[in-house]
Amino acid sequence: MRPRARATDRSAGEGGAALPLFALAVVLVAVATVLLTGITERAVARARAQSAADASALAGAAGGRPAAVRTAAANGATVTWIQIEGRRVEVRLVVDGEAAEAHAERVLRLGDD
């Protein structure tokens, strides 16, 4: 009868196989972290640009071009285009390299012109 092999017995060539797998897992996690960080930063920049555009368009509808430009600057944005036609305002701006646009319209209440 042949004796049973112990769990600690290793065949030639199997020793240290866990280390390269662990190193590969660490590298994959690092790469995923870098990619996700970049994607997240870009999404935040887009959201910030859109928020600035929305606020600027609303300010423009309420207070005209100066209010729109002032609000954009307060949000760290640079206005690249603005158009005001009657009650409608359209704004395009850039924040941290991300462009956004928005429009707003002033609603007249009874008694307003």
C-alpha atoms as a PDB file:
ATOM      1  CA  MET A   1       0.000   0.000   0.000  1.00  0.00           C
ATOM      2  CA  ARG A   2       1.216   3.399  -0.950  1.00  0.00           C
ATOM      3  CA  PRO A   3       1.290   6.164   1.664  1.00  0.00           C
ATOM      4  CA  ARG A   4      -0.976   9.150   1.115  1.00  0.00           C
ATOM      5  CA  ALA A   5       0.611  12.371  -0.031  1.00  0.00           C
ATOM      6  CA  ARG A   6       0.471  15.176   2.445  1.00  0.00           C
ATOM      7  CA  ALA A   7      -1.086  18.528   1.607  1.00  0.00           C
ATOM      8  CA  THR A   8       2.293  20.136   2.118  1.00  0.00           C
ATOM      9  CA  ASP A   9       3.992  17.994  -0.522  1.00  0.00           C
ATOM     10  CA  ARG A  10       4.545  19.924  -3.721  1.00  0.00           C
ATOM     11  CA  SER A  11       5.434  18.663  -7.110  1.00  0.00           C
ATOM     12  CA  ALA A  12       8.399  20.229  -8.843  1.00  0.00           C
ATOM     13  CA  GLY A  13       7.485  23.531 -10.511  1.00  0.00           C
ATOM     14  CA  GLU A  14       4.440  24.368  -8.356  1.00  0.00           C
ATOM     15  CA  GLY A  15       6.312  26.248  -5.675  1.00  0.00           C
ATOM     16  CA  GLY A  16       5.726  30.042  -5.613  1.00  0.00           C
ATOM     17  CA  ALA A  17       2.858  30.061  -8.122  1.00  0.00           C
ATOM     18  CA  ALA A  18       0.759  32.264  -5.842  1.00  0.00           C
ATOM     19  CA  LEU A  19       3.202  35.185  -5.942  1.00  0.00           C
ATOM     20  CA  PRO A  20       2.880  35.952  -9.692  1.00  0.00           C
ATOM     21  CA  LEU A  21      -0.907  35.665  -9.438  1.00  0.00           C
ATOM     22  CA  PHE A  22      -0.948  38.065  -6.502  1.00  0.00           C
ATOM     23  CA  ALA A  23       1.322  40.507  -8.380  1.00  0.00           C
ATOM     24  CA  LEU A  24      -0.979  40.350 -11.403  1.00  0.00           C
ATOM     25  CA  ALA A  25      -4.012  41.018  -9.208  1.00  0.00           C
ATOM     26  CA  VAL A  26      -2.286  44.051  -7.642  1.00  0.00           C
ATOM     27  CA  VAL A  27      -1.419  45.448 -11.073  1.00  0.00           C
ATOM     28  CA  LEU A  28      -4.992  44.944 -12.330  1.00  0.00           C
ATOM     29  CA  VAL A  29      -6.443  46.693  -9.276  1.00  0.00           C
ATOM     30  CA  ALA A  30      -4.014  49.605  -9.739  1.00  0.00           C
ATOM     31  CA  VAL A  31      -4.932  49.983 -13.422  1.00  0.00           C
ATOM     32  CA  ALA A  32      -8.659  49.823 -12.634  1.00  0.00           C
ATOM     33  CA  THR A  33      -8.225  52.473  -9.928  1.00  0.00           C
ATOM     34  CA  VAL A  34      -6.426  54.840 -12.303  1.00  0.00           C
ATOM     35  CA  LEU A  35      -9.073  54.373 -15.010  1.00  0.00           C
ATOM     36  CA  LEU A  36     -11.977  54.856 -12.618  1.00  0.00           C
ATOM     37  CA  THR A  37     -10.377  57.945 -11.107  1.00  0.00           C
ATOM     38  CA  GLY A  38     -10.016  59.527 -14.547  1.00  0.00           C
ATOM     39  CA  ILE A  39     -13.598  58.690 -15.493  1.00  0.00           C
ATOM     40  CA  THR A  40     -14.891  60.056 -12.195  1.00  0.00           C
ATOM     41  CA  GLU A  41     -12.927  63.306 -12.499  1.00  0.00           C
ATOM     42  CA  ARG A  42     -14.275  63.864 -15.995  1.00  0.00           C
ATOM     43  CA  ALA A  43     -17.851  63.196 -14.903  1.00  0.00           C
ATOM     44  CA  VAL A  44     -17.478  65.682 -12.053  1.00  0.00           C
ATOM     45  CA  ALA A  45     -16.059  68.315 -14.434  1.00  0.00           C
ATOM     46  CA  ARG A  46     -18.978  67.789 -16.848  1.00  0.00           C
ATOM     47  CA  ALA A  47     -21.494  68.107 -14.034  1.00  0.00           C
ATOM     48  CA  ARG A  48     -19.801  71.267 -12.783  1.00  0.00           C
ATOM     49  CA  ALA A  49     -19.869  72.782 -16.273  1.00  0.00           C
ATOM     50  CA  GLN A  50     -23.536  71.921 -16.738  1.00  0.00           C
ATOM     51  CA  SER A  51     -24.442  73.383 -13.342  1.00  0.00           C
ATOM     52  CA  ALA A  52     -22.603  76.601 -14.213  1.00  0.00           C
ATOM     53  CA  ALA A  53     -24.390  76.790 -17.576  1.00  0.00           C
ATOM     54  CA  ASP A  54     -27.790  76.226 -15.970  1.00  0.00           C
ATOM     55  CA  ALA A  55     -27.172  78.879 -13.316  1.00  0.00           C
ATOM     56  CA  SER A  56     -25.840  81.337 -15.869  1.00  0.00           C
ATOM     57  CA  ALA A  57     -28.840  80.872 -18.174  1.00  0.00           C
ATOM     58  CA  LEU A  58     -31.263  81.362 -15.290  1.00  0.00           C
ATOM     59  CA  ALA A  59     -29.405  84.478 -14.159  1.00  0.00           C
ATOM     60  CA  GLY A  60     -29.447  85.774 -17.718  1.00  0.00           C
ATOM     61  CA  ALA A  61     -33.188  85.238 -17.978  1.00  0.00           C
ATOM     62  CA  ALA A  62     -33.721  87.185 -14.771  1.00  0.00           C
ATOM     63  CA  GLY A  63     -31.058  89.908 -15.105  1.00  0.00           C
ATOM     64  CA  GLY A  64     -29.749  89.982 -18.668  1.00  0.00           C
ATOM     65  CA  ARG A  65     -26.285  89.466 -20.118  1.00  0.00           C
ATOM     66  CA  PRO A  66     -24.317  91.016 -17.208  1.00  0.00           C
ATOM     67  CA  ALA A  67     -26.001  88.701 -14.711  1.00  0.00           C
ATOM     68  CA  ALA A  68     -25.312  85.658 -16.893  1.00  0.00           C
ATOM     69  CA  VAL A  69     -21.623  86.496 -17.299  1.00  0.00           C
ATOM     70  CA  ARG A  70     -21.236  87.342 -13.602  1.00  0.00           C
ATOM     71  CA  THR A  71     -22.861  84.058 -12.553  1.00  0.00           C
ATOM     72  CA  ALA A  72     -20.686  82.064 -14.940  1.00  0.00           C
ATOM     73  CA  ALA A  73     -17.541  83.719 -13.552  1.00  0.00           C
ATOM     74  CA  ALA A  74     -18.679  83.038  -9.983  1.00  0.00           C
ATOM     75  CA  ASN A  75     -18.847  79.342 -10.935  1.00  0.00           C
ATOM     76  CA  GLY A  76     -15.352  79.357 -12.462  1.00  0.00           C
ATOM     77  CA  ALA A  77     -16.659  79.369 -16.036  1.00  0.00           C
ATOM     78  CA  THR A  78     -15.834  81.349 -19.123  1.00  0.00           C
ATOM     79  CA  VAL A  79     -18.771  82.266 -21.354  1.00  0.00           C
ATOM     80  CA  THR A  80     -18.010  81.410 -24.983  1.00  0.00           C
ATOM     81  CA  TRP A  81     -21.395  82.374 -26.434  1.00  0.00           C
ATOM     82  CA  ILE A  82     -24.547  84.009 -25.183  1.00  0.00           C
ATOM     83  CA  GLN A  83     -27.706  84.928 -27.025  1.00  0.00           C
ATOM     84  CA  ILE A  84     -30.672  86.769 -25.630  1.00  0.00           C
ATOM     85  CA  GLU A  85     -33.816  87.014 -27.713  1.00  0.00           C
ATOM     86  CA  GLY A  86     -36.750  88.478 -25.887  1.00  0.00           C
ATOM     87  CA  ARG A  87     -37.325  86.322 -22.820  1.00  0.00           C
ATOM     88  CA  ARG A  88     -35.129  83.405 -23.993  1.00  0.00           C
ATOM     89  CA  VAL A  89     -31.457  83.131 -23.037  1.00  0.00           C
ATOM     90  CA  GLU A  90     -28.955  80.608 -24.403  1.00  0.00           C
ATOM     91  CA  VAL A  91     -25.509  80.243 -22.872  1.00  0.00           C
ATOM     92  CA  ARG A  92     -22.430  78.221 -23.809  1.00  0.00           C
ATOM     93  CA  LEU A  93     -19.468  78.139 -21.493  1.00  0.00           C
ATOM     94  CA  VAL A  94     -16.358  76.210 -20.490  1.00  0.00           C
ATOM     95  CA  VAL A  95     -15.283  75.049 -17.025  1.00  0.00           C
ATOM     96  CA  ASP A  96     -12.046  73.104 -16.510  1.00  0.00           C
ATOM     97  CA  GLY A  97     -11.929  72.215 -20.204  1.00  0.00           C
ATOM     98  CA  GLU A  98     -15.498  70.893 -20.266  1.00  0.00           C
ATOM     99  CA  ALA A  99     -18.052  72.715 -22.406  1.00  0.00           C
ATOM    100  CA  ALA A 100     -21.742  72.945 -21.580  1.00  0.00           C
ATOM    101  CA  GLU A 101     -24.765  74.829 -22.784  1.00  0.00           C
ATOM    102  CA  ALA A 102     -28.133  75.696 -21.330  1.00  0.00           C
ATOM    103  CA  HIS A 103     -31.125  77.830 -22.059  1.00  0.00           C
ATOM    104  CA  ALA A 104     -33.749  79.465 -19.919  1.00  0.00           C
ATOM    105  CA  GLU A 105     -36.810  81.553 -20.482  1.00  0.00           C
ATOM    106  CA  ARG A 106     -38.222  84.228 -18.250  1.00  0.00           C
ATOM    107  CA  VAL A 107     -41.851  83.584 -17.461  1.00  0.00           C
ATOM    108  CA  LEU A 108     -43.983  86.665 -17.343  1.00  0.00           C
ATOM    109  CA  ARG A 109     -46.459  87.066 -14.522  1.00  0.00           C
ATOM    110  CA  LEU A 110     -49.685  88.987 -14.903  1.00  0.00           C
ATOM    111  CA  GLY A 111     -48.862  92.666 -14.872  1.00  0.00           C
ATOM    112  CA  ASP A 112     -45.248  92.148 -16.141  1.00  0.00           C
ATOM    113  CA  ASP A 113     -44.250  93.292 -19.623  1.00  0.00           C
END
